[in-house]
C-alpha atoms as a PDB file:
ATOM      1  CA  MET A   1      77.843  89.398  83.305  1.00  0.00           C
ATOM      2  CA  ILE A   2      75.722  86.235  83.024  1.00  0.00           C
ATOM      3  CA  LEU A   3      77.097  84.849  86.301  1.00  0.00           C
ATOM      4  CA  LYS A   4      76.240  88.056  88.115  1.00  0.00           C
ATOM      5  CA  GLU A   5      72.655  87.926  86.816  1.00  0.00           C
ATOM      6  CA  LEU A   6      72.222  84.293  87.913  1.00  0.00           C
ATOM      7  CA  THR A   7      73.337  84.949  91.475  1.00  0.00           C
ATOM      8  CA  LYS A   8      70.753  87.666  92.147  1.00  0.00           C
ATOM      9  CA  ASN A   9      68.291  86.685  94.872  1.00  0.00           C
ATOM     10  CA  ARG A  10      65.384  85.766  92.593  1.00  0.00           C
ATOM     11  CA  PHE A  11      63.725  82.606  91.305  1.00  0.00           C
ATOM     12  CA  ILE A  12      64.739  81.205  87.931  1.00  0.00           C
ATOM     13  CA  THR A  13      63.608  78.188  85.927  1.00  0.00           C
ATOM     14  CA  ILE A  14      66.243  75.781  84.610  1.00  0.00           C
ATOM     15  CA  ILE A  15      65.489  73.116  82.020  1.00  0.00           C
ATOM     16  CA  TYR A  16      68.190  70.441  81.968  1.00  0.00           C
ATOM     17  CA  LEU A  17      68.904  66.855  80.952  1.00  0.00           C
ATOM     18  CA  GLN A  18      69.199  64.150  83.605  1.00  0.00           C
ATOM     19  CA  ASN A  19      69.597  60.490  82.657  1.00  0.00           C
ATOM     20  CA  GLY A  20      68.357  61.191  79.123  1.00  0.00           C
ATOM     21  CA  SER A  21      65.142  63.002  80.071  1.00  0.00           C
ATOM     22  CA  LEU A  22      64.326  66.687  80.398  1.00  0.00           C
ATOM     23  CA  LYS A  23      63.811  67.982  83.932  1.00  0.00           C
ATOM     24  CA  THR A  24      62.637  71.392  85.141  1.00  0.00           C
ATOM     25  CA  CYS A  25      63.819  73.082  88.311  1.00  0.00           C
ATOM     26  CA  LYS A  26      62.470  76.355  89.652  1.00  0.00           C
ATOM     27  CA  GLY A  27      64.530  77.890  92.394  1.00  0.00           C
ATOM     28  CA  ARG A  28      67.184  80.327  93.535  1.00  0.00           C
ATOM     29  CA  VAL A  29      70.885  79.993  92.744  1.00  0.00           C
ATOM     30  CA  TYR A  30      73.033  79.846  95.862  1.00  0.00           C
ATOM     31  CA  LYS A  31      76.355  78.733  94.410  1.00  0.00           C
ATOM     32  CA  LEU A  32      78.159  78.617  91.078  1.00  0.00           C
ATOM     33  CA  ASN A  33      81.150  76.301  90.987  1.00  0.00           C
ATOM     34  CA  CYS A  34      83.187  77.042  87.872  1.00  0.00           C
ATOM     35  CA  TYR A  35      85.884  74.524  88.829  1.00  0.00           C
ATOM     36  CA  ASN A  36      83.419  71.585  88.943  1.00  0.00           C
ATOM     37  CA  GLN A  37      81.172  73.269  86.346  1.00  0.00           C
ATOM     38  CA  THR A  38      78.022  72.971  88.445  1.00  0.00           C
ATOM     39  CA  ILE A  39      75.276  75.276  89.595  1.00  0.00           C
ATOM     40  CA  ASN A  40      73.634  74.700  92.974  1.00  0.00           C
ATOM     41  CA  VAL A  41      69.991  75.684  93.301  1.00  0.00           C
ATOM     42  CA  ILE A  42      67.594  75.738  96.250  1.00  0.00           C
ATOM     43  CA  ASN A  43      64.180  74.831  94.845  1.00  0.00           C
ATOM     44  CA  GLU A  44      60.752  75.967  96.025  1.00  0.00           C
ATOM     45  CA  LYS A  45      60.612  73.123  98.571  1.00  0.00           C
ATOM     46  CA  GLN A  46      63.978  74.216 100.065  1.00  0.00           C
ATOM     47  CA  ASN A  47      65.832  71.196  98.604  1.00  0.00           C
ATOM     48  CA  ALA A  48      69.368  71.682  97.290  1.00  0.00           C
ATOM     49  CA  ILE A  49      69.947  70.535  93.708  1.00  0.00           C
ATOM     50  CA  SER A  50      73.285  70.400  91.888  1.00  0.00           C
ATOM     51  CA  ILE A  51      73.126  70.656  88.081  1.00  0.00           C
ATOM     52  CA  ARG A  52      76.054  70.269  85.680  1.00  0.00           C
ATOM     53  CA  LEU A  53      76.374  73.310  83.436  1.00  0.00           C
ATOM     54  CA  SER A  54      76.775  71.124  80.335  1.00  0.00           C
ATOM     55  CA  SER A  55      73.340  69.536  80.920  1.00  0.00           C
ATOM     56  CA  ILE A  56      71.459  72.870  80.995  1.00  0.00           C
ATOM     57  CA  LYS A  57      69.293  73.505  77.947  1.00  0.00           C
ATOM     58  CA  GLU A  58      67.452  76.710  78.950  1.00  0.00           C
ATOM     59  CA  ILE A  59      67.385  79.246  81.774  1.00  0.00           C
ATOM     60  CA  HIS A  60      64.450  81.621  82.257  1.00  0.00           C
END
């Protein structure tokens, strides 16, 4: 159920840890990779970002 909600074509905000500091990414999910445990997001500037699921703190 959660995976289906994340893949809808809408913008979400992800707060995650990267190199010990909190980062925020606002974008649209284009791929969930359960095997590698990553989520791929296209941000507002059309850049692709890969985030490890274990580093995610919050999703809005």
